[in-house]
């Protein structure tokens, strides 16, 4: 009898310790989230966009550890704008797109003056999109929109236009814009999401064009630059993993964990918000 009581007491103590440990971890995580949130806000006000991105990465990692996908709209807005201002929009945008609010680039409350701007209609028209549908489908933070409208020939504006198209899964429509960026601005390498979009385009159009996609991607240059071998190899891995997922060999969360930051994953699995749909 005494032995049973000791066992019960020991189990109870272990459960209490486990509960206390869990509470301590949650409390510490909440403190870390609040600290990174405050640093994001403070650095955004100072225009320290590199630091905004650094703290955003830590913030989102903590959120993901908590098993959440919903985050503060302020973090979303500041991070998206930081991606534009630091020139990392076409390298890192889809690394954030699995979180709510990052899947689109614009908010739906665009100012009427911006919607009447001829550049807005020209952009939507060139993408073959109905204006009303386009405004709801292709969203952008107002600060990014103002930056684009004020600098129609700037590199950052061009990157925003391409990111808008990729966010809406319209890589074929912005292929010309991607080539314009590569041919007219000084890139040390092809931005990762452009590489991923080019690979998507080549793979999906190879049969009708009568080309060997794999050989083409390894030999062709784009804007005078080849695709990085690591990206091409990563593409092979992605399509292999998709086949295994379709065969039931791996789970969706495994596929997302491995490739959730790519345009390929966004193109195949992420839903593009439509006008009036909550997101």
C-alpha atoms as a PDB file:
ATOM      1  CA  UNK A   1       0.000   0.000   0.000  1.00  0.00           C
ATOM      2  CA  UNK A   2       2.793   2.402   0.974  1.00  0.00           C
ATOM      3  CA  UNK A   3       4.634   1.526  -2.230  1.00  0.00           C
ATOM      4  CA  UNK A   4       1.552   2.366  -4.315  1.00  0.00           C
ATOM      5  CA  UNK A   5       1.198   5.705  -2.540  1.00  0.00           C
ATOM      6  CA  UNK A   6       4.840   6.506  -3.214  1.00  0.00           C
ATOM      7  CA  UNK A   7       4.400   5.678  -6.887  1.00  0.00           C
ATOM      8  CA  UNK A   8       1.292   7.871  -7.104  1.00  0.00           C
ATOM      9  CA  UNK A   9       3.078  10.697  -5.303  1.00  0.00           C
ATOM     10  CA  UNK A  10       6.058  10.397  -7.622  1.00  0.00           C
ATOM     11  CA  UNK A  11       3.852  10.438 -10.729  1.00  0.00           C
ATOM     12  CA  UNK A  12       1.934  13.448  -9.376  1.00  0.00           C
ATOM     13  CA  UNK A  13       5.184  15.294  -8.686  1.00  0.00           C
ATOM     14  CA  UNK A  14       6.478  14.531 -12.187  1.00  0.00           C
ATOM     15  CA  UNK A  15       3.220  15.774 -13.735  1.00  0.00           C
ATOM     16  CA  UNK A  16       3.395  18.965 -11.691  1.00  0.00           C
ATOM     17  CA  UNK A  17       6.994  19.515 -12.756  1.00  0.00           C
ATOM     18  CA  UNK A  18       6.106  18.878 -16.401  1.00  0.00           C
ATOM     19  CA  UNK A  19       3.221  21.322 -16.170  1.00  0.00           C
ATOM     20  CA  UNK A  20       5.403  23.939 -14.537  1.00  0.00           C
ATOM     21  CA  UNK A  21       8.058  23.451 -17.197  1.00  0.00           C
ATOM     22  CA  UNK A  22       5.477  23.845 -19.963  1.00  0.00           C
ATOM     23  CA  UNK A  23       4.126  27.021 -18.367  1.00  0.00           C
ATOM     24  CA  UNK A  24       7.667  28.378 -18.013  1.00  0.00           C
ATOM     25  CA  UNK A  25       8.387  27.692 -21.696  1.00  0.00           C
ATOM     26  CA  UNK A  26       5.119  29.349 -22.773  1.00  0.00           C
ATOM     27  CA  UNK A  27       5.793  32.356 -20.550  1.00  0.00           C
ATOM     28  CA  UNK A  28       9.357  32.681 -21.869  1.00  0.00           C
ATOM     29  CA  UNK A  29       8.128  32.393 -25.470  1.00  0.00           C
ATOM     30  CA  UNK A  30       5.509  35.104 -24.835  1.00  0.00           C
ATOM     31  CA  UNK A  31       8.203  37.386 -23.464  1.00  0.00           C
ATOM     32  CA  UNK A  32      10.423  36.715 -26.479  1.00  0.00           C
ATOM     33  CA  UNK A  33       7.538  37.368 -28.880  1.00  0.00           C
ATOM     34  CA  UNK A  34       6.770  40.663 -27.169  1.00  0.00           C
ATOM     35  CA  UNK A  35      10.430  41.700 -27.233  1.00  0.00           C
ATOM     36  CA  UNK A  36      10.851  40.953 -30.950  1.00  0.00           C
ATOM     37  CA  UNK A  37       7.523  42.670 -31.690  1.00  0.00           C
ATOM     38  CA  UNK A  38       8.690  45.820 -29.926  1.00  0.00           C
ATOM     39  CA  UNK A  39      12.018  45.719 -31.773  1.00  0.00           C
ATOM     40  CA  UNK A  40      10.215  45.358 -35.113  1.00  0.00           C
ATOM     41  CA  UNK A  41       8.068  48.398 -34.355  1.00  0.00           C
ATOM     42  CA  UNK A  42      10.986  50.493 -33.085  1.00  0.00           C
ATOM     43  CA  UNK A  43      13.285  49.692 -36.008  1.00  0.00           C
ATOM     44  CA  UNK A  44      10.509  50.264 -38.550  1.00  0.00           C
ATOM     45  CA  UNK A  45      10.012  53.770 -37.143  1.00  0.00           C
ATOM     46  CA  UNK A  46      13.753  54.424 -37.504  1.00  0.00           C
ATOM     47  CA  UNK A  47      13.905  52.915 -40.990  1.00  0.00           C
ATOM     48  CA  UNK A  48      16.316  50.163 -39.917  1.00  0.00           C
ATOM     49  CA  UNK A  49      14.843  47.615 -42.326  1.00  0.00           C
ATOM     50  CA  UNK A  50      17.633  45.045 -42.029  1.00  0.00           C
ATOM     51  CA  UNK A  51      16.965  44.843 -38.307  1.00  0.00           C
ATOM     52  CA  UNK A  52      13.225  44.633 -38.940  1.00  0.00           C
ATOM     53  CA  UNK A  53      13.808  41.525 -41.051  1.00  0.00           C
ATOM     54  CA  UNK A  54      16.134  39.996 -38.484  1.00  0.00           C
ATOM     55  CA  UNK A  55      13.623  40.402 -35.666  1.00  0.00           C
ATOM     56  CA  UNK A  56      10.745  39.296 -37.936  1.00  0.00           C
ATOM     57  CA  UNK A  57      12.516  36.021 -38.674  1.00  0.00           C
ATOM     58  CA  UNK A  58      12.918  35.335 -34.946  1.00  0.00           C
ATOM     59  CA  UNK A  59       9.313  36.394 -34.267  1.00  0.00           C
ATOM     60  CA  UNK A  60       7.889  34.096 -36.951  1.00  0.00           C
ATOM     61  CA  UNK A  61      10.065  31.195 -35.809  1.00  0.00           C
ATOM     62  CA  UNK A  62       8.629  31.544 -32.295  1.00  0.00           C
ATOM     63  CA  UNK A  63       5.093  31.778 -33.680  1.00  0.00           C
ATOM     64  CA  UNK A  64       5.616  28.615 -35.692  1.00  0.00           C
ATOM     65  CA  UNK A  65       6.968  26.801 -32.632  1.00  0.00           C
ATOM     66  CA  UNK A  66       3.673  27.626 -30.939  1.00  0.00           C
ATOM     67  CA  UNK A  67       1.817  25.972 -33.832  1.00  0.00           C
ATOM     68  CA  UNK A  68       0.181  29.227 -34.907  1.00  0.00           C
ATOM     69  CA  UNK A  69      -0.270  30.849 -38.309  1.00  0.00           C
ATOM     70  CA  UNK A  70      -1.969  34.113 -37.307  1.00  0.00           C
ATOM     71  CA  UNK A  71       0.324  37.003 -36.429  1.00  0.00           C
ATOM     72  CA  UNK A  72       0.087  40.714 -35.770  1.00  0.00           C
ATOM     73  CA  UNK A  73      -0.868  42.795 -38.854  1.00  0.00           C
ATOM     74  CA  UNK A  74       1.844  45.274 -37.833  1.00  0.00           C
ATOM     75  CA  UNK A  75       4.490  42.558 -38.124  1.00  0.00           C
ATOM     76  CA  UNK A  76       3.117  41.555 -41.530  1.00  0.00           C
ATOM     77  CA  UNK A  77       3.111  45.126 -42.867  1.00  0.00           C
ATOM     78  CA  UNK A  78       6.543  46.059 -41.537  1.00  0.00           C
ATOM     79  CA  UNK A  79       8.121  42.823 -42.740  1.00  0.00           C
ATOM     80  CA  UNK A  80       6.695  43.119 -46.256  1.00  0.00           C
ATOM     81  CA  UNK A  81       7.879  46.697 -46.564  1.00  0.00           C
ATOM     82  CA  UNK A  82      11.292  45.732 -45.181  1.00  0.00           C
ATOM     83  CA  UNK A  83      11.575  43.036 -47.859  1.00  0.00           C
ATOM     84  CA  UNK A  84      11.000  45.706 -50.523  1.00  0.00           C
ATOM     85  CA  UNK A  85      13.356  48.287 -49.056  1.00  0.00           C
ATOM     86  CA  UNK A  86      16.209  45.815 -48.529  1.00  0.00           C
ATOM     87  CA  UNK A  87      15.873  44.264 -51.983  1.00  0.00           C
ATOM     88  CA  UNK A  88      15.017  40.824 -50.593  1.00  0.00           C
ATOM     89  CA  UNK A  89      11.430  40.642 -51.814  1.00  0.00           C
ATOM     90  CA  UNK A  90      12.258  38.220 -54.630  1.00  0.00           C
ATOM     91  CA  UNK A  91      14.519  36.092 -52.451  1.00  0.00           C
ATOM     92  CA  UNK A  92      12.513  35.702 -49.259  1.00  0.00           C
ATOM     93  CA  UNK A  93       8.855  36.665 -49.735  1.00  0.00           C
ATOM     94  CA  UNK A  94       7.490  33.133 -49.971  1.00  0.00           C
ATOM     95  CA  UNK A  95       9.435  32.130 -46.890  1.00  0.00           C
ATOM     96  CA  UNK A  96       6.809  34.188 -45.039  1.00  0.00           C
ATOM     97  CA  UNK A  97       3.746  33.377 -47.170  1.00  0.00           C
ATOM     98  CA  UNK A  98       2.632  30.423 -45.017  1.00  0.00           C
ATOM     99  CA  UNK A  99       1.612  32.935 -42.348  1.00  0.00           C
ATOM    100  CA  UNK A 100      -1.751  34.652 -42.651  1.00  0.00           C
ATOM    101  CA  UNK A 101      -1.454  38.063 -44.258  1.00  0.00           C
ATOM    102  CA  UNK A 102       1.752  37.322 -46.159  1.00  0.00           C
ATOM    103  CA  UNK A 103       0.033  35.470 -48.987  1.00  0.00           C
ATOM    104  CA  UNK A 104      -0.855  38.745 -50.689  1.00  0.00           C
ATOM    105  CA  UNK A 105       1.067  41.967 -51.105  1.00  0.00           C
ATOM    106  CA  UNK A 106      -1.623  44.636 -51.008  1.00  0.00           C
ATOM    107  CA  UNK A 107      -4.368  45.506 -48.586  1.00  0.00           C
ATOM    108  CA  UNK A 108      -7.835  45.766 -50.125  1.00  0.00           C
ATOM    109  CA  UNK A 109      -8.434  49.332 -48.926  1.00  0.00           C
ATOM    110  CA  UNK A 110      -6.366  50.913 -51.690  1.00  0.00           C
ATOM    111  CA  UNK A 111      -6.765  54.699 -52.008  1.00  0.00           C
ATOM    112  CA  UNK A 112      -8.980  55.792 -54.885  1.00  0.00           C
ATOM    113  CA  UNK A 113      -6.226  58.081 -56.210  1.00  0.00           C
ATOM    114  CA  UNK A 114      -3.912  55.099 -56.549  1.00  0.00           C
ATOM    115  CA  UNK A 115      -6.535  53.033 -58.328  1.00  0.00           C
ATOM    116  CA  UNK A 116      -7.039  55.828 -60.859  1.00  0.00           C
ATOM    117  CA  UNK A 117      -3.320  56.041 -61.572  1.00  0.00           C
ATOM    118  CA  UNK A 118      -2.732  54.999 -65.227  1.00  0.00           C
ATOM    119  CA  UNK A 119       0.175  52.794 -64.179  1.00  0.00           C
ATOM    120  CA  UNK A 120      -2.162  50.675 -62.067  1.00  0.00           C
ATOM    121  CA  UNK A 121      -4.539  50.004 -64.943  1.00  0.00           C
ATOM    122  CA  UNK A 122      -1.674  49.456 -67.389  1.00  0.00           C
ATOM    123  CA  UNK A 123      -0.129  46.893 -65.079  1.00  0.00           C
ATOM    124  CA  UNK A 124      -3.391  45.018 -64.572  1.00  0.00           C
ATOM    125  CA  UNK A 125      -4.184  45.189 -68.289  1.00  0.00           C
ATOM    126  CA  UNK A 126      -0.771  43.838 -69.279  1.00  0.00           C
ATOM    127  CA  UNK A 127      -1.289  40.952 -66.889  1.00  0.00           C
ATOM    128  CA  UNK A 128      -4.571  40.170 -68.666  1.00  0.00           C
ATOM    129  CA  UNK A 129      -6.605  40.851 -65.569  1.00  0.00           C
ATOM    130  CA  UNK A 130      -9.976  42.512 -65.184  1.00  0.00           C
ATOM    131  CA  UNK A 131      -9.410  45.717 -63.204  1.00  0.00           C
ATOM    132  CA  UNK A 132     -11.964  45.043 -60.463  1.00  0.00           C
ATOM    133  CA  UNK A 133     -10.846  41.450 -60.074  1.00  0.00           C
ATOM    134  CA  UNK A 134      -7.213  42.496 -60.174  1.00  0.00           C
ATOM    135  CA  UNK A 135      -7.598  45.057 -57.418  1.00  0.00           C
ATOM    136  CA  UNK A 136      -9.072  42.435 -55.107  1.00  0.00           C
ATOM    137  CA  UNK A 137      -6.811  39.598 -56.231  1.00  0.00           C
ATOM    138  CA  UNK A 138      -3.457  41.352 -56.422  1.00  0.00           C
ATOM    139  CA  UNK A 139      -3.067  43.210 -53.167  1.00  0.00           C
ATOM    140  CA  UNK A 140      -0.190  45.381 -51.960  1.00  0.00           C
ATOM    141  CA  UNK A 141       0.622  47.281 -48.807  1.00  0.00           C
ATOM    142  CA  UNK A 142      -0.158  50.970 -49.410  1.00  0.00           C
ATOM    143  CA  UNK A 143       3.424  52.057 -48.707  1.00  0.00           C
ATOM    144  CA  UNK A 144       4.706  49.615 -51.337  1.00  0.00           C
ATOM    145  CA  UNK A 145       2.080  50.847 -53.791  1.00  0.00           C
ATOM    146  CA  UNK A 146       3.084  54.468 -53.251  1.00  0.00           C
ATOM    147  CA  UNK A 147       6.730  53.488 -53.684  1.00  0.00           C
ATOM    148  CA  UNK A 148       5.875  51.775 -56.978  1.00  0.00           C
ATOM    149  CA  UNK A 149       3.750  54.638 -58.311  1.00  0.00           C
ATOM    150  CA  UNK A 150       6.385  57.206 -57.398  1.00  0.00           C
ATOM    151  CA  UNK A 151       9.253  55.224 -58.926  1.00  0.00           C
ATOM    152  CA  UNK A 152       7.875  53.439 -62.006  1.00  0.00           C
ATOM    153  CA  UNK A 153      11.376  52.729 -63.395  1.00  0.00           C
ATOM    154  CA  UNK A 154      13.135  51.850 -60.157  1.00  0.00           C
ATOM    155  CA  UNK A 155      14.536  48.422 -59.441  1.00  0.00           C
ATOM    156  CA  UNK A 156      12.534  48.068 -56.225  1.00  0.00           C
ATOM    157  CA  UNK A 157       9.321  49.029 -58.003  1.00  0.00           C
ATOM    158  CA  UNK A 158       9.998  46.455 -60.688  1.00  0.00           C
ATOM    159  CA  UNK A 159      10.627  43.817 -58.052  1.00  0.00           C
ATOM    160  CA  UNK A 160       7.316  44.692 -56.400  1.00  0.00           C
ATOM    161  CA  UNK A 161       5.502  44.296 -59.734  1.00  0.00           C
ATOM    162  CA  UNK A 162       7.069  40.867 -60.263  1.00  0.00           C
ATOM    163  CA  UNK A 163       6.243  39.816 -56.698  1.00  0.00           C
ATOM    164  CA  UNK A 164       2.624  40.877 -57.232  1.00  0.00           C
ATOM    165  CA  UNK A 165       2.406  38.652 -60.278  1.00  0.00           C
ATOM    166  CA  UNK A 166       4.019  35.696 -58.515  1.00  0.00           C
ATOM    167  CA  UNK A 167       1.771  36.158 -55.496  1.00  0.00           C
ATOM    168  CA  UNK A 168      -1.185  35.790 -57.899  1.00  0.00           C
ATOM    169  CA  UNK A 169       0.495  32.743 -59.536  1.00  0.00           C
ATOM    170  CA  UNK A 170       0.876  34.623 -62.818  1.00  0.00           C
ATOM    171  CA  UNK A 171       4.542  33.884 -63.502  1.00  0.00           C
ATOM    172  CA  UNK A 172       3.934  33.632 -67.254  1.00  0.00           C
ATOM    173  CA  UNK A 173       2.468  37.146 -67.279  1.00  0.00           C
ATOM    174  CA  UNK A 174       5.466  38.702 -65.541  1.00  0.00           C
ATOM    175  CA  UNK A 175       8.153  36.745 -67.391  1.00  0.00           C
ATOM    176  CA  UNK A 176       8.953  39.848 -69.453  1.00  0.00           C
ATOM    177  CA  UNK A 177       9.236  41.946 -66.272  1.00  0.00           C
ATOM    178  CA  UNK A 178      11.584  39.393 -64.732  1.00  0.00           C
ATOM    179  CA  UNK A 179      13.822  39.495 -67.805  1.00  0.00           C
ATOM    180  CA  UNK A 180      13.720  43.318 -67.755  1.00  0.00           C
ATOM    181  CA  UNK A 181      15.005  43.333 -64.178  1.00  0.00           C
ATOM    182  CA  UNK A 182      17.813  40.891 -64.924  1.00  0.00           C
ATOM    183  CA  UNK A 183      18.899  42.728 -68.072  1.00  0.00           C
ATOM    184  CA  UNK A 184      18.735  46.288 -66.746  1.00  0.00           C
ATOM    185  CA  UNK A 185      19.844  46.129 -63.120  1.00  0.00           C
ATOM    186  CA  UNK A 186      23.021  44.894 -61.486  1.00  0.00           C
ATOM    187  CA  UNK A 187      22.277  41.551 -59.821  1.00  0.00           C
ATOM    188  CA  UNK A 188      25.084  39.387 -58.478  1.00  0.00           C
ATOM    189  CA  UNK A 189      22.811  36.380 -59.061  1.00  0.00           C
ATOM    190  CA  UNK A 190      19.245  35.731 -60.196  1.00  0.00           C
ATOM    191  CA  UNK A 191      16.910  36.274 -57.210  1.00  0.00           C
ATOM    192  CA  UNK A 192      15.674  32.946 -55.890  1.00  0.00           C
ATOM    193  CA  UNK A 193      11.958  33.412 -56.571  1.00  0.00           C
ATOM    194  CA  UNK A 194      12.694  34.484 -60.152  1.00  0.00           C
ATOM    195  CA  UNK A 195      14.743  31.301 -60.568  1.00  0.00           C
ATOM    196  CA  UNK A 196      11.863  29.269 -59.172  1.00  0.00           C
ATOM    197  CA  UNK A 197       9.366  31.013 -61.467  1.00  0.00           C
ATOM    198  CA  UNK A 198      11.582  30.442 -64.518  1.00  0.00           C
ATOM    199  CA  UNK A 199      11.877  26.754 -63.642  1.00  0.00           C
ATOM    200  CA  UNK A 200       8.093  26.539 -63.206  1.00  0.00           C
ATOM    201  CA  UNK A 201       7.556  28.169 -66.598  1.00  0.00           C
ATOM    202  CA  UNK A 202      10.098  25.964 -68.389  1.00  0.00           C
ATOM    203  CA  UNK A 203       8.841  22.723 -66.817  1.00  0.00           C
ATOM    204  CA  UNK A 204       5.169  23.467 -67.560  1.00  0.00           C
ATOM    205  CA  UNK A 205       5.762  24.630 -71.152  1.00  0.00           C
ATOM    206  CA  UNK A 206       8.513  22.182 -72.158  1.00  0.00           C
ATOM    207  CA  UNK A 207       6.163  19.622 -73.804  1.00  0.00           C
ATOM    208  CA  UNK A 208       4.539  22.153 -76.130  1.00  0.00           C
ATOM    209  CA  UNK A 209       7.894  23.768 -76.891  1.00  0.00           C
ATOM    210  CA  UNK A 210       9.508  20.413 -77.588  1.00  0.00           C
ATOM    211  CA  UNK A 211      12.493  20.920 -75.297  1.00  0.00           C
ATOM    212  CA  UNK A 212      14.227  18.884 -72.620  1.00  0.00           C
ATOM    213  CA  UNK A 213      13.465  20.991 -69.531  1.00  0.00           C
ATOM    214  CA  UNK A 214      16.297  19.611 -67.431  1.00  0.00           C
ATOM    215  CA  UNK A 215      18.967  20.132 -70.097  1.00  0.00           C
ATOM    216  CA  UNK A 216      17.580  23.568 -70.962  1.00  0.00           C
ATOM    217  CA  UNK A 217      17.634  24.776 -67.368  1.00  0.00           C
ATOM    218  CA  UNK A 218      21.224  23.639 -66.899  1.00  0.00           C
ATOM    219  CA  UNK A 219      22.555  25.246 -70.084  1.00  0.00           C
ATOM    220  CA  UNK A 220      20.490  28.402 -70.709  1.00  0.00           C
ATOM    221  CA  UNK A 221      21.273  31.853 -69.299  1.00  0.00           C
ATOM    222  CA  UNK A 222      18.754  34.481 -68.244  1.00  0.00           C
ATOM    223  CA  UNK A 223      19.847  38.104 -68.316  1.00  0.00           C
ATOM    224  CA  UNK A 224      23.340  36.744 -68.987  1.00  0.00           C
ATOM    225  CA  UNK A 225      23.303  34.635 -65.825  1.00  0.00           C
ATOM    226  CA  UNK A 226      22.755  30.899 -65.371  1.00  0.00           C
ATOM    227  CA  UNK A 227      20.393  29.464 -62.808  1.00  0.00           C
ATOM    228  CA  UNK A 228      22.239  28.458 -59.666  1.00  0.00           C
ATOM    229  CA  UNK A 229      22.818  24.717 -59.540  1.00  0.00           C
ATOM    230  CA  UNK A 230      21.483  24.536 -55.977  1.00  0.00           C
ATOM    231  CA  UNK A 231      18.129  25.928 -57.149  1.00  0.00           C
ATOM    232  CA  UNK A 232      17.892  23.481 -60.056  1.00  0.00           C
ATOM    233  CA  UNK A 233      18.746  20.557 -57.761  1.00  0.00           C
ATOM    234  CA  UNK A 234      16.214  21.835 -55.214  1.00  0.00           C
ATOM    235  CA  UNK A 235      13.590  21.834 -57.976  1.00  0.00           C
ATOM    236  CA  UNK A 236      14.330  18.180 -58.744  1.00  0.00           C
ATOM    237  CA  UNK A 237      13.930  17.410 -55.042  1.00  0.00           C
ATOM    238  CA  UNK A 238      10.658  19.343 -54.864  1.00  0.00           C
ATOM    239  CA  UNK A 239       9.022  17.515 -57.768  1.00  0.00           C
ATOM    240  CA  UNK A 240      10.220  14.213 -56.303  1.00  0.00           C
ATOM    241  CA  UNK A 241       8.720  15.086 -52.929  1.00  0.00           C
ATOM    242  CA  UNK A 242       5.425  16.109 -54.574  1.00  0.00           C
ATOM    243  CA  UNK A 243       5.281  12.698 -56.284  1.00  0.00           C
ATOM    244  CA  UNK A 244       5.914  11.007 -52.946  1.00  0.00           C
ATOM    245  CA  UNK A 245       3.246  13.175 -51.297  1.00  0.00           C
ATOM    246  CA  UNK A 246       0.722  12.251 -54.006  1.00  0.00           C
ATOM    247  CA  UNK A 247       1.608   8.594 -53.445  1.00  0.00           C
ATOM    248  CA  UNK A 248       0.949   8.964 -49.717  1.00  0.00           C
ATOM    249  CA  UNK A 249       4.564   8.347 -48.748  1.00  0.00           C
ATOM    250  CA  UNK A 250       5.033  11.657 -46.912  1.00  0.00           C
ATOM    251  CA  UNK A 251       2.706  14.014 -45.046  1.00  0.00           C
ATOM    252  CA  UNK A 252       1.756  17.498 -46.167  1.00  0.00           C
ATOM    253  CA  UNK A 253       3.406  19.196 -43.205  1.00  0.00           C
ATOM    254  CA  UNK A 254       6.679  17.464 -44.111  1.00  0.00           C
ATOM    255  CA  UNK A 255       6.464  18.817 -47.646  1.00  0.00           C
ATOM    256  CA  UNK A 256       5.596  22.275 -46.336  1.00  0.00           C
ATOM    257  CA  UNK A 257       8.416  22.254 -43.796  1.00  0.00           C
ATOM    258  CA  UNK A 258      10.935  21.404 -46.509  1.00  0.00           C
ATOM    259  CA  UNK A 259       9.668  23.600 -49.353  1.00  0.00           C
ATOM    260  CA  UNK A 260       7.169  26.048 -47.826  1.00  0.00           C
ATOM    261  CA  UNK A 261       9.445  29.006 -48.603  1.00  0.00           C
ATOM    262  CA  UNK A 262       9.484  28.425 -52.368  1.00  0.00           C
ATOM    263  CA  UNK A 263       7.396  29.785 -55.219  1.00  0.00           C
ATOM    264  CA  UNK A 264       6.813  26.184 -56.321  1.00  0.00           C
ATOM    265  CA  UNK A 265       5.006  25.372 -53.073  1.00  0.00           C
ATOM    266  CA  UNK A 266       3.006  28.596 -53.297  1.00  0.00           C
ATOM    267  CA  UNK A 267       2.072  27.885 -56.927  1.00  0.00           C
ATOM    268  CA  UNK A 268       0.869  24.327 -56.293  1.00  0.00           C
ATOM    269  CA  UNK A 269      -0.606  24.451 -52.805  1.00  0.00           C
ATOM    270  CA  UNK A 270      -1.372  27.972 -51.570  1.00  0.00           C
ATOM    271  CA  UNK A 271      -4.726  29.606 -52.205  1.00  0.00           C
ATOM    272  CA  UNK A 272      -4.773  33.048 -53.822  1.00  0.00           C
ATOM    273  CA  UNK A 273      -7.233  35.299 -51.930  1.00  0.00           C
ATOM    274  CA  UNK A 274     -10.124  36.560 -54.042  1.00  0.00           C
ATOM    275  CA  UNK A 275     -12.086  39.845 -53.660  1.00  0.00           C
ATOM    276  CA  UNK A 276     -14.180  39.910 -50.511  1.00  0.00           C
ATOM    277  CA  UNK A 277     -12.611  36.760 -49.080  1.00  0.00           C
ATOM    278  CA  UNK A 278     -11.262  37.026 -45.555  1.00  0.00           C
ATOM    279  CA  UNK A 279      -7.569  36.361 -45.111  1.00  0.00           C
END
